[in-house]
Structure formats: C-alpha cells, structure tokens
Amino acid sequence: SGGLEPSSVKKLLRRLDIGYQEGLERAMQPTKLAQHPSEP
C-alpha cells in the first residue's frame, strides 16, 4: 500500500527477532501492590 519500503520490512522483522530473544531472558518479577491506596 506504499507505507513501507522493502528494506524497512527486513529491518522491522530483524527488530522483532531481537526483541523476542531479549524477552526470553527478561526478568519477570511481579510487582506487589499495596492493599490500600496511597491517597484518599
């Protein structure tokens, strides 16, 4: 449709793959939220 250059498709897929690999190693530590709100 004219929104991307062919070279951009390759670059974006490369970024997708890099992100996927980083996500496999990303720390996952759930945030413990306070039971009561910090403000009324």
Full PDB file with SEQRES, HELIX, SHEET, SSBOND, CRYST1, ORIGX, SCALE, CONECT and MASTER records, all heavy atoms in Angstrom:
SEQRES   1 A   40  SER GLY GLY LEU GLU PRO SER SER VAL LYS LYS LEU LEU          
SEQRES   2 A   40  ARG ARG LEU ASP ILE GLY TYR GLN GLU GLY LEU GLU ARG          
SEQRES   3 A   40  ALA MET GLN PRO THR LYS LEU ALA GLN HIS PRO SER GLU          
SEQRES   4 A   40  PRO                                                          
HELIX    1 AA1 PRO A    6  GLU A   25  1                                  20    
CRYST1    1.000    1.000    1.000  90.00  90.00  90.00 P 1           1          
ORIGX1      1.000000  0.000000  0.000000        0.00000                         
ORIGX2      0.000000  1.000000  0.000000        0.00000                         
ORIGX3      0.000000  0.000000  1.000000        0.00000                         
SCALE1      1.000000  0.000000  0.000000        0.00000                         
SCALE2      0.000000  1.000000  0.000000        0.00000                         
SCALE3      0.000000  0.000000  1.000000        0.00000                         
ATOM      1  N   SER A   1       0.814  -1.224   0.000  1.00  0.00           N  
ATOM      2  CA  SER A   1       0.000   0.000   0.000  1.00  0.00           C  
ATOM      3  C   SER A   1       0.844   1.268   0.000  1.00  0.00           C  
ATOM      4  O   SER A   1       0.292   2.371  -0.006  1.00  0.00           O  
ATOM      5  CB  SER A   1      -0.940   0.003   1.211  1.00  0.00           C  
ATOM      6  OG  SER A   1      -0.203   0.050   2.419  1.00  0.00           O  
ATOM      7  N   GLY A   2       2.165   1.111   0.032  1.00  0.00           N  
ATOM      8  CA  GLY A   2       3.049   2.271  -0.058  1.00  0.00           C  
ATOM      9  C   GLY A   2       3.515   2.825   1.276  1.00  0.00           C  
ATOM     10  O   GLY A   2       4.211   3.838   1.312  1.00  0.00           O  
ATOM     11  N   GLY A   3       3.183   2.157   2.363  1.00  0.00           N  
ATOM     12  CA  GLY A   3       3.555   2.668   3.680  1.00  0.00           C  
ATOM     13  C   GLY A   3       4.960   2.326   4.123  1.00  0.00           C  
ATOM     14  O   GLY A   3       5.515   2.989   5.001  1.00  0.00           O  
ATOM     15  N   LEU A   4       5.554   1.272   3.514  1.00  0.00           N  
ATOM     16  CA  LEU A   4       6.885   0.822   3.908  1.00  0.00           C  
ATOM     17  C   LEU A   4       7.743   0.534   2.686  1.00  0.00           C  
ATOM     18  O   LEU A   4       7.231   0.052   1.650  1.00  0.00           O  
ATOM     19  CB  LEU A   4       6.810  -0.462   4.753  1.00  0.00           C  
ATOM     20  CG  LEU A   4       6.330  -0.354   6.194  1.00  0.00           C  
ATOM     21  CD1 LEU A   4       6.151  -1.753   6.779  1.00  0.00           C  
ATOM     22  CD2 LEU A   4       7.295   0.452   7.041  1.00  0.00           C  
ATOM     23  N   GLU A   5       9.025   0.793   2.802  1.00  0.00           N  
ATOM     24  CA  GLU A   5       9.995   0.378   1.797  1.00  0.00           C  
ATOM     25  C   GLU A   5      10.339  -1.094   2.023  1.00  0.00           C  
ATOM     26  O   GLU A   5      10.286  -1.589   3.156  1.00  0.00           O  
ATOM     27  CB  GLU A   5      11.267   1.218   1.902  1.00  0.00           C  
ATOM     28  CG  GLU A   5      11.074   2.698   1.604  1.00  0.00           C  
ATOM     29  CD  GLU A   5      10.857   2.961   0.122  1.00  0.00           C  
ATOM     30  OE1 GLU A   5      11.152   2.051  -0.699  1.00  0.00           O  
ATOM     31  OE2 GLU A   5      10.381   4.061  -0.199  1.00  0.00           O  
ATOM     32  N   PRO A   6      10.717  -1.827   0.951  1.00  0.00           N  
ATOM     33  CA  PRO A   6      11.118  -3.239   1.136  1.00  0.00           C  
ATOM     34  C   PRO A   6      12.224  -3.404   2.169  1.00  0.00           C  
ATOM     35  O   PRO A   6      12.203  -4.359   2.960  1.00  0.00           O  
ATOM     36  CB  PRO A   6      11.587  -3.643  -0.259  1.00  0.00           C  
ATOM     37  CG  PRO A   6      10.812  -2.765  -1.186  1.00  0.00           C  
ATOM     38  CD  PRO A   6      10.683  -1.449  -0.471  1.00  0.00           C  
ATOM     39  N   SER A   7      13.183  -2.476   2.198  1.00  0.00           N  
ATOM     40  CA  SER A   7      14.270  -2.583   3.170  1.00  0.00           C  
ATOM     41  C   SER A   7      13.758  -2.439   4.604  1.00  0.00           C  
ATOM     42  O   SER A   7      14.311  -3.027   5.530  1.00  0.00           O  
ATOM     43  CB  SER A   7      15.332  -1.520   2.891  1.00  0.00           C  
ATOM     44  OG  SER A   7      14.764  -0.207   2.970  1.00  0.00           O  
ATOM     45  N   SER A   8      12.680  -1.652   4.765  1.00  0.00           N  
ATOM     46  CA  SER A   8      12.121  -1.461   6.101  1.00  0.00           C  
ATOM     47  C   SER A   8      11.476  -2.738   6.628  1.00  0.00           C  
ATOM     48  O   SER A   8      11.480  -2.992   7.834  1.00  0.00           O  
ATOM     49  CB  SER A   8      11.093  -0.327   6.093  1.00  0.00           C  
ATOM     50  OG  SER A   8      11.693   0.903   5.751  1.00  0.00           O  
ATOM     51  N   VAL A   9      10.915  -3.539   5.739  1.00  0.00           N  
ATOM     52  CA  VAL A   9      10.311  -4.801   6.147  1.00  0.00           C  
ATOM     53  C   VAL A   9      11.368  -5.694   6.796  1.00  0.00           C  
ATOM     54  O   VAL A   9      11.154  -6.276   7.864  1.00  0.00           O  
ATOM     55  CB  VAL A   9       9.655  -5.513   4.946  1.00  0.00           C  
ATOM     56  CG1 VAL A   9       9.178  -6.912   5.346  1.00  0.00           C  
ATOM     57  CG2 VAL A   9       8.484  -4.688   4.422  1.00  0.00           C  
ATOM     58  N   LYS A  10      12.527  -5.781   6.159  1.00  0.00           N  
ATOM     59  CA  LYS A  10      13.608  -6.601   6.706  1.00  0.00           C  
ATOM     60  C   LYS A  10      14.087  -6.068   8.052  1.00  0.00           C  
ATOM     61  O   LYS A  10      14.319  -6.829   8.994  1.00  0.00           O  
ATOM     62  CB  LYS A  10      14.764  -6.663   5.722  1.00  0.00           C  
ATOM     63  CG  LYS A  10      14.455  -7.419   4.436  1.00  0.00           C  
ATOM     64  CD  LYS A  10      15.676  -7.481   3.534  1.00  0.00           C  
ATOM     65  CE  LYS A  10      15.380  -8.262   2.262  1.00  0.00           C  
ATOM     66  NZ  LYS A  10      16.559  -8.315   1.359  1.00  0.00           N  
ATOM     67  N   LYS A  11      14.244  -4.754   8.145  1.00  0.00           N  
ATOM     68  CA  LYS A  11      14.715  -4.152   9.392  1.00  0.00           C  
ATOM     69  C   LYS A  11      13.728  -4.389  10.531  1.00  0.00           C  
ATOM     70  O   LYS A  11      14.121  -4.698  11.660  1.00  0.00           O  
ATOM     71  CB  LYS A  11      14.951  -2.665   9.198  1.00  0.00           C  
ATOM     72  CG  LYS A  11      16.134  -2.326   8.292  1.00  0.00           C  
ATOM     73  CD  LYS A  11      16.264  -0.827   8.091  1.00  0.00           C  
ATOM     74  CE  LYS A  11      17.416  -0.493   7.154  1.00  0.00           C  
ATOM     75  NZ  LYS A  11      17.504   0.974   6.888  1.00  0.00           N  
ATOM     76  N   LEU A  12      12.441  -4.246  10.230  1.00  0.00           N  
ATOM     77  CA  LEU A  12      11.428  -4.425  11.267  1.00  0.00           C  
ATOM     78  C   LEU A  12      11.363  -5.880  11.731  1.00  0.00           C  
ATOM     79  O   LEU A  12      11.200  -6.154  12.925  1.00  0.00           O  
ATOM     80  CB  LEU A  12      10.069  -3.955  10.755  1.00  0.00           C  
ATOM     81  CG  LEU A  12       9.892  -2.430  10.659  1.00  0.00           C  
ATOM     82  CD1 LEU A  12       8.665  -2.074   9.829  1.00  0.00           C  
ATOM     83  CD2 LEU A  12       9.783  -1.809  12.046  1.00  0.00           C  
ATOM     84  N   LEU A  13      11.483  -6.826  10.800  1.00  0.00           N  
ATOM     85  CA  LEU A  13      11.492  -8.231  11.189  1.00  0.00           C  
ATOM     86  C   LEU A  13      12.730  -8.560  12.023  1.00  0.00           C  
ATOM     87  O   LEU A  13      12.660  -9.371  12.961  1.00  0.00           O  
ATOM     88  CB  LEU A  13      11.428  -9.119   9.948  1.00  0.00           C  
ATOM     89  CG  LEU A  13      10.058  -9.219   9.271  1.00  0.00           C  
ATOM     90  CD1 LEU A  13      10.162 -10.010   7.978  1.00  0.00           C  
ATOM     91  CD2 LEU A  13       9.030  -9.865  10.202  1.00  0.00           C  
ATOM     92  N   ARG A  14      13.835  -7.917  11.696  1.00  0.00           N  
ATOM     93  CA  ARG A  14      15.046  -8.117  12.494  1.00  0.00           C  
ATOM     94  C   ARG A  14      14.837  -7.604  13.916  1.00  0.00           C  
ATOM     95  O   ARG A  14      15.229  -8.253  14.889  1.00  0.00           O  
ATOM     96  CB  ARG A  14      16.224  -7.405  11.834  1.00  0.00           C  
ATOM     97  CG  ARG A  14      17.590  -7.781  12.435  1.00  0.00           C  
ATOM     98  CD  ARG A  14      18.735  -7.102  11.700  1.00  0.00           C  
ATOM     99  NE  ARG A  14      18.652  -7.334  10.272  1.00  0.00           N  
ATOM    100  CZ  ARG A  14      18.559  -6.370   9.355  1.00  0.00           C  
ATOM    101  NH1 ARG A  14      18.535  -5.107   9.733  1.00  0.00           N  
ATOM    102  NH2 ARG A  14      18.501  -6.656   8.078  1.00  0.00           N  
ATOM    103  N   ARG A  15      14.185  -6.459  14.047  1.00  0.00           N  
ATOM    104  CA  ARG A  15      13.894  -5.915  15.375  1.00  0.00           C  
ATOM    105  C   ARG A  15      12.924  -6.832  16.130  1.00  0.00           C  
ATOM    106  O   ARG A  15      13.037  -7.005  17.344  1.00  0.00           O  
ATOM    107  CB  ARG A  15      13.303  -4.507  15.246  1.00  0.00           C  
ATOM    108  CG  ARG A  15      14.302  -3.456  14.815  1.00  0.00           C  
ATOM    109  CD  ARG A  15      15.269  -3.130  15.938  1.00  0.00           C  
ATOM    110  NE  ARG A  15      14.611  -2.435  17.040  1.00  0.00           N  
ATOM    111  CZ  ARG A  15      15.174  -2.247  18.233  1.00  0.00           C  
ATOM    112  NH1 ARG A  15      16.389  -2.718  18.486  1.00  0.00           N  
ATOM    113  NH2 ARG A  15      14.527  -1.593  19.183  1.00  0.00           N  
ATOM    114  N   LEU A  16      11.969  -7.411  15.416  1.00  0.00           N  
ATOM    115  CA  LEU A  16      11.044  -8.363  16.036  1.00  0.00           C  
ATOM    116  C   LEU A  16      11.814  -9.534  16.624  1.00  0.00           C  
ATOM    117  O   LEU A  16      11.577  -9.942  17.771  1.00  0.00           O  
ATOM    118  CB  LEU A  16      10.037  -8.851  14.995  1.00  0.00           C  
ATOM    119  CG  LEU A  16       8.983  -9.857  15.474  1.00  0.00           C  
ATOM    120  CD1 LEU A  16       7.932  -9.163  16.322  1.00  0.00           C  
ATOM    121  CD2 LEU A  16       8.316 -10.542  14.281  1.00  0.00           C  
ATOM    122  N   ASP A  17      12.750 -10.069  15.857  1.00  0.00           N  
ATOM    123  CA  ASP A  17      13.538 -11.215  16.316  1.00  0.00           C  
ATOM    124  C   ASP A  17      14.431 -10.855  17.500  1.00  0.00           C  
ATOM    125  O   ASP A  17      14.565 -11.628  18.460  1.00  0.00           O  
ATOM    126  CB  ASP A  17      14.400 -11.745  15.165  1.00  0.00           C  
ATOM    127  CG  ASP A  17      13.572 -12.380  14.060  1.00  0.00           C  
ATOM    128  OD1 ASP A  17      12.447 -12.824  14.352  1.00  0.00           O  
ATOM    129  OD2 ASP A  17      14.043 -12.428  12.913  1.00  0.00           O  
ATOM    130  N   ILE A  18      15.060  -9.674  17.442  1.00  0.00           N  
ATOM    131  CA  ILE A  18      15.920  -9.235  18.541  1.00  0.00           C  
ATOM    132  C   ILE A  18      15.101  -9.073  19.822  1.00  0.00           C  
ATOM    133  O   ILE A  18      15.509  -9.479  20.912  1.00  0.00           O  
ATOM    134  CB  ILE A  18      16.641  -7.923  18.182  1.00  0.00           C  
ATOM    135  CG1 ILE A  18      17.632  -8.159  17.039  1.00  0.00           C  
ATOM    136  CG2 ILE A  18      17.358  -7.338  19.399  1.00  0.00           C  
ATOM    137  CD1 ILE A  18      18.232  -6.877  16.484  1.00  0.00           C  
ATOM    138  N   GLY A  19      13.918  -8.477  19.681  1.00  0.00           N  
ATOM    139  CA  GLY A  19      13.044  -8.315  20.837  1.00  0.00           C  
ATOM    140  C   GLY A  19      12.620  -9.651  21.414  1.00  0.00           C  
ATOM    141  O   GLY A  19      12.580  -9.825  22.647  1.00  0.00           O  
ATOM    142  N   TYR A  20      12.319 -10.602  20.544  1.00  0.00           N  
ATOM    143  CA  TYR A  20      11.906 -11.928  21.009  1.00  0.00           C  
ATOM    144  C   TYR A  20      13.017 -12.586  21.821  1.00  0.00           C  
ATOM    145  O   TYR A  20      12.771 -13.140  22.899  1.00  0.00           O  
ATOM    146  CB  TYR A  20      11.531 -12.801  19.816  1.00  0.00           C  
ATOM    147  CG  TYR A  20      11.071 -14.186  20.192  1.00  0.00           C  
ATOM    148  CD1 TYR A  20       9.818 -14.393  20.743  1.00  0.00           C  
ATOM    149  CD2 TYR A  20      11.905 -15.287  20.000  1.00  0.00           C  
ATOM    150  CE1 TYR A  20       9.384 -15.667  21.097  1.00  0.00           C  
ATOM    151  CE2 TYR A  20      11.486 -16.562  20.353  1.00  0.00           C  
ATOM    152  CZ  TYR A  20      10.234 -16.748  20.902  1.00  0.00           C  
ATOM    153  OH  TYR A  20       9.816 -18.005  21.256  1.00  0.00           O  
ATOM    154  N   GLN A  21      14.233 -12.493  21.338  1.00  0.00           N  
ATOM    155  CA  GLN A  21      15.350 -13.090  22.059  1.00  0.00           C  
ATOM    156  C   GLN A  21      15.564 -12.414  23.413  1.00  0.00           C  
ATOM    157  O   GLN A  21      15.841 -13.083  24.413  1.00  0.00           O  
ATOM    158  CB  GLN A  21      16.629 -13.002  21.210  1.00  0.00           C  
ATOM    159  CG  GLN A  21      16.612 -13.888  19.973  1.00  0.00           C  
ATOM    160  CD  GLN A  21      16.402 -15.359  20.312  1.00  0.00           C  
ATOM    161  OE1 GLN A  21      17.017 -15.891  21.256  1.00  0.00           O  
ATOM    162  NE2 GLN A  21      15.536 -16.016  19.557  1.00  0.00           N  
ATOM    163  N   GLU A  22      15.412 -11.097  23.450  1.00  0.00           N  
ATOM    164  CA  GLU A  22      15.553 -10.388  24.729  1.00  0.00           C  
ATOM    165  C   GLU A  22      14.440 -10.781  25.694  1.00  0.00           C  
ATOM    166  O   GLU A  22      14.661 -10.936  26.898  1.00  0.00           O  
ATOM    167  CB  GLU A  22      15.559  -8.873  24.502  1.00  0.00           C  
ATOM    168  CG  GLU A  22      15.933  -8.041  25.715  1.00  0.00           C  
ATOM    169  CD  GLU A  22      14.748  -7.740  26.628  1.00  0.00           C  
ATOM    170  OE1 GLU A  22      13.615  -7.638  26.118  1.00  0.00           O  
ATOM    171  OE2 GLU A  22      14.958  -7.613  27.847  1.00  0.00           O  
ATOM    172  N   GLY A  23      13.235 -10.952  25.157  1.00  0.00           N  
ATOM    173  CA  GLY A  23      12.108 -11.331  26.002  1.00  0.00           C  
ATOM    174  C   GLY A  23      12.267 -12.693  26.636  1.00  0.00           C  
ATOM    175  O   GLY A  23      11.736 -12.947  27.719  1.00  0.00           O  
ATOM    176  N   LEU A  24      13.017 -13.579  25.970  1.00  0.00           N  
ATOM    177  CA  LEU A  24      13.265 -14.902  26.540  1.00  0.00           C  
ATOM    178  C   LEU A  24      14.133 -14.829  27.788  1.00  0.00           C  
ATOM    179  O   LEU A  24      14.115 -15.739  28.626  1.00  0.00           O  
ATOM    180  CB  LEU A  24      13.933 -15.805  25.496  1.00  0.00           C  
ATOM    181  CG  LEU A  24      13.085 -16.185  24.281  1.00  0.00           C  
ATOM    182  CD1 LEU A  24      13.916 -16.985  23.287  1.00  0.00           C  
ATOM    183  CD2 LEU A  24      11.845 -16.984  24.695  1.00  0.00           C  
ATOM    184  N   GLU A  25      14.892 -13.739  27.913  1.00  0.00           N  
ATOM    185  CA  GLU A  25      15.786 -13.564  29.051  1.00  0.00           C  
ATOM    186  C   GLU A  25      15.316 -12.487  30.025  1.00  0.00           C  
ATOM    187  O   GLU A  25      15.935 -12.291  31.072  1.00  0.00           O  
ATOM    188  CB  GLU A  25      17.198 -13.189  28.552  1.00  0.00           C  
ATOM    189  CG  GLU A  25      17.784 -14.161  27.553  1.00  0.00           C  
ATOM    190  CD  GLU A  25      18.003 -15.546  28.144  1.00  0.00           C  
ATOM    191  OE1 GLU A  25      18.276 -15.613  29.369  1.00  0.00           O  
ATOM    192  OE2 GLU A  25      17.905 -16.538  27.409  1.00  0.00           O  
ATOM    193  N   ARG A  26      14.249 -11.787  29.693  1.00  0.00           N  
ATOM    194  CA  ARG A  26      13.807 -10.651  30.500  1.00  0.00           C  
ATOM    195  C   ARG A  26      13.383 -11.098  31.898  1.00  0.00           C  
ATOM    196  O   ARG A  26      12.680 -12.105  32.059  1.00  0.00           O  
ATOM    197  CB  ARG A  26      12.639  -9.936  29.801  1.00  0.00           C  
ATOM    198  CG  ARG A  26      12.135  -8.715  30.520  1.00  0.00           C  
ATOM    199  CD  ARG A  26      11.073  -8.001  29.695  1.00  0.00           C  
ATOM    200  NE  ARG A  26      11.651  -7.291  28.558  1.00  0.00           N  
ATOM    201  CZ  ARG A  26      10.939  -6.605  27.657  1.00  0.00           C  
ATOM    202  NH1 ARG A  26       9.610  -6.547  27.778  1.00  0.00           N  
ATOM    203  NH2 ARG A  26      11.527  -5.985  26.656  1.00  0.00           N  
ATOM    204  N   ALA A  27      13.800 -10.331  32.880  1.00  0.00           N  
ATOM    205  CA  ALA A  27      13.420 -10.638  34.260  1.00  0.00           C  
ATOM    206  C   ALA A  27      11.915 -10.493  34.438  1.00  0.00           C  
ATOM    207  O   ALA A  27      11.308  -9.555  33.919  1.00  0.00           O  
ATOM    208  CB  ALA A  27      14.162  -9.708  35.219  1.00  0.00           C  
ATOM    209  N   MET A  28      11.326 -11.421  35.167  1.00  0.00           N  
ATOM    210  CA  MET A  28       9.890 -11.378  35.440  1.00  0.00           C  
ATOM    211  C   MET A  28       9.688 -11.420  36.950  1.00  0.00           C  
ATOM    212  O   MET A  28       9.744 -12.492  37.563  1.00  0.00           O  
ATOM    213  CB  MET A  28       9.164 -12.531  34.752  1.00  0.00           C  
ATOM    214  CG  MET A  28       9.190 -12.451  33.232  1.00  0.00           C  
ATOM    215  SD  MET A  28       8.007 -13.554  32.412  1.00  0.00           S  
ATOM    216  CE  MET A  28       8.604 -15.141  32.955  1.00  0.00           C  
ATOM    217  N   GLN A  29       9.500 -10.257  37.513  1.00  0.00           N  
ATOM    218  CA  GLN A  29       9.296 -10.123  38.950  1.00  0.00           C  
ATOM    219  C   GLN A  29       8.017  -9.322  39.188  1.00  0.00           C  
ATOM    220  O   GLN A  29       8.025  -8.094  39.084  1.00  0.00           O  
ATOM    221  CB  GLN A  29      10.490  -9.427  39.601  1.00  0.00           C  
ATOM    222  CG  GLN A  29      11.792 -10.203  39.466  1.00  0.00           C  
ATOM    223  CD  GLN A  29      12.970  -9.451  40.041  1.00  0.00           C  
ATOM    224  OE1 GLN A  29      12.955  -8.233  40.150  1.00  0.00           O  
ATOM    225  NE2 GLN A  29      14.009 -10.176  40.405  1.00  0.00           N  
ATOM    226  N   PRO A  30       6.906 -10.002  39.429  1.00  0.00           N  
ATOM    227  CA  PRO A  30       5.627  -9.299  39.625  1.00  0.00           C  
ATOM    228  C   PRO A  30       5.722  -8.230  40.703  1.00  0.00           C  
ATOM    229  O   PRO A  30       6.419  -8.394  41.714  1.00  0.00           O  
ATOM    230  CB  PRO A  30       4.667 -10.420  40.038  1.00  0.00           C  
ATOM    231  CG  PRO A  30       5.295 -11.667  39.488  1.00  0.00           C  
ATOM    232  CD  PRO A  30       6.769 -11.456  39.571  1.00  0.00           C  
ATOM    233  N   THR A  31       5.034  -7.136  40.473  1.00  0.00           N  
ATOM    234  CA  THR A  31       5.007  -6.040  41.430  1.00  0.00           C  
ATOM    235  C   THR A  31       3.979  -6.338  42.529  1.00  0.00           C  
ATOM    236  O   THR A  31       2.821  -6.642  42.233  1.00  0.00           O  
ATOM    237  CB  THR A  31       4.633  -4.722  40.732  1.00  0.00           C  
ATOM    238  OG1 THR A  31       5.592  -4.458  39.722  1.00  0.00           O  
ATOM    239  CG2 THR A  31       4.615  -3.568  41.717  1.00  0.00           C  
ATOM    240  N   LYS A  32       4.395  -6.263  43.758  1.00  0.00           N  
ATOM    241  CA  LYS A  32       3.458  -6.421  44.866  1.00  0.00           C  
ATOM    242  C   LYS A  32       2.820  -5.068  45.155  1.00  0.00           C  
ATOM    243  O   LYS A  32       3.494  -4.135  45.597  1.00  0.00           O  
ATOM    244  CB  LYS A  32       4.178  -6.949  46.106  1.00  0.00           C  
ATOM    245  CG  LYS A  32       4.627  -8.394  45.981  1.00  0.00           C  
ATOM    246  CD  LYS A  32       3.444  -9.336  45.853  1.00  0.00           C  
ATOM    247  CE  LYS A  32       3.887 -10.778  45.742  1.00  0.00           C  
ATOM    248  NZ  LYS A  32       2.715 -11.704  45.582  1.00  0.00           N  
ATOM    249  N   LEU A  33       1.542  -4.955  44.869  1.00  0.00           N  
ATOM    250  CA  LEU A  33       0.835  -3.694  45.047  1.00  0.00           C  
ATOM    251  C   LEU A  33       0.288  -3.584  46.467  1.00  0.00           C  
ATOM    252  O   LEU A  33      -0.174  -4.573  47.050  1.00  0.00           O  
ATOM    253  CB  LEU A  33      -0.314  -3.584  44.046  1.00  0.00           C  
ATOM    254  CG  LEU A  33       0.081  -3.646  42.567  1.00  0.00           C  
ATOM    255  CD1 LEU A  33      -1.152  -3.626  41.687  1.00  0.00           C  
ATOM    256  CD2 LEU A  33       0.998  -2.486  42.203  1.00  0.00           C  
ATOM    257  N   ALA A  34       0.335  -2.391  46.993  1.00  0.00           N  
ATOM    258  CA  ALA A  34      -0.188  -2.148  48.340  1.00  0.00           C  
ATOM    259  C   ALA A  34      -1.694  -2.368  48.365  1.00  0.00           C  
ATOM    260  O   ALA A  34      -2.404  -1.991  47.433  1.00  0.00           O  
ATOM    261  CB  ALA A  34       0.151  -0.729  48.789  1.00  0.00           C  
ATOM    262  N   GLN A  35      -2.157  -2.971  49.426  1.00  0.00           N  
ATOM    263  CA  GLN A  35      -3.592  -3.251  49.539  1.00  0.00           C  
ATOM    264  C   GLN A  35      -4.405  -1.961  49.614  1.00  0.00           C  
ATOM    265  O   GLN A  35      -5.502  -1.880  49.056  1.00  0.00           O  
ATOM    266  CB  GLN A  35      -3.865  -4.112  50.769  1.00  0.00           C  
ATOM    267  CG  GLN A  35      -5.331  -4.507  50.921  1.00  0.00           C  
ATOM    268  CD  GLN A  35      -5.548  -5.442  52.092  1.00  0.00           C  
ATOM    269  OE1 GLN A  35      -4.605  -5.810  52.779  1.00  0.00           O  
ATOM    270  NE2 GLN A  35      -6.793  -5.818  52.325  1.00  0.00           N  
ATOM    271  N   HIS A  36      -3.863  -0.952  50.273  1.00  0.00           N  
ATOM    272  CA  HIS A  36      -4.595   0.290  50.443  1.00  0.00           C  
ATOM    273  C   HIS A  36      -4.001   1.373  49.530  1.00  0.00           C  
ATOM    274  O   HIS A  36      -2.774   1.438  49.362  1.00  0.00           O  
ATOM    275  CB  HIS A  36      -4.538   0.746  51.902  1.00  0.00           C  
ATOM    276  CG  HIS A  36      -5.121  -0.246  52.852  1.00  0.00           C  
ATOM    277  ND1 HIS A  36      -6.470  -0.516  52.910  1.00  0.00           N  
ATOM    278  CD2 HIS A  36      -4.530  -1.065  53.783  1.00  0.00           C  
ATOM    279  CE1 HIS A  36      -6.698  -1.437  53.829  1.00  0.00           C  
ATOM    280  NE2 HIS A  36      -5.547  -1.790  54.370  1.00  0.00           N  
ATOM    281  N   PRO A  37      -4.839   2.227  48.955  1.00  0.00           N  
ATOM    282  CA  PRO A  37      -4.339   3.279  48.067  1.00  0.00           C  
ATOM    283  C   PRO A  37      -3.463   4.278  48.813  1.00  0.00           C  
ATOM    284  O   PRO A  37      -3.641   4.504  50.014  1.00  0.00           O  
ATOM    285  CB  PRO A  37      -5.615   3.934  47.539  1.00  0.00           C  
ATOM    286  CG  PRO A  37      -6.662   3.628  48.558  1.00  0.00           C  
ATOM    287  CD  PRO A  37      -6.309   2.279  49.105  1.00  0.00           C  
ATOM    288  N   SER A  38      -2.536   4.883  48.081  1.00  0.00           N  
ATOM    289  CA  SER A  38      -1.617   5.829  48.706  1.00  0.00           C  
ATOM    290  C   SER A  38      -2.255   7.183  48.966  1.00  0.00           C  
ATOM    291  O   SER A  38      -1.718   7.987  49.730  1.00  0.00           O  
ATOM    292  CB  SER A  38      -0.382   6.012  47.817  1.00  0.00           C  
ATOM    293  OG  SER A  38      -0.751   6.489  46.531  1.00  0.00           O  
ATOM    294  N   GLU A  39      -3.411   7.441  48.346  1.00  0.00           N  
ATOM    295  CA  GLU A  39      -4.124   8.702  48.558  1.00  0.00           C  
ATOM    296  C   GLU A  39      -5.608   8.419  48.714  1.00  0.00           C  
ATOM    297  O   GLU A  39      -6.129   7.463  48.126  1.00  0.00           O  
ATOM    298  CB  GLU A  39      -3.913   9.665  47.385  1.00  0.00           C  
ATOM    299  CG  GLU A  39      -2.472  10.125  47.201  1.00  0.00           C  
ATOM    300  CD  GLU A  39      -2.339  11.135  46.067  1.00  0.00           C  
ATOM    301  OE1 GLU A  39      -3.386  11.626  45.582  1.00  0.00           O  
ATOM    302  OE2 GLU A  39      -1.195  11.433  45.673  1.00  0.00           O  
ATOM    303  N   PRO A  40      -6.334   9.233  49.480  1.00  0.00           N  
ATOM    304  CA  PRO A  40      -7.782   9.033  49.622  1.00  0.00           C  
ATOM    305  C   PRO A  40      -8.513   9.330  48.318  1.00  0.00           C  
ATOM    306  O   PRO A  40      -7.979   9.965  47.413  1.00  0.00           O  
ATOM    307  CB  PRO A  40      -8.175  10.019  50.725  1.00  0.00           C  
ATOM    308  CG  PRO A  40      -7.120  11.080  50.672  1.00  0.00           C  
ATOM    309  CD  PRO A  40      -5.851  10.387  50.283  1.00  0.00           C  
TER     310      PRO A  40                                                      
MASTER        0    0    0    1    0    0    0    6  309    1    0    4          
END                                                                             
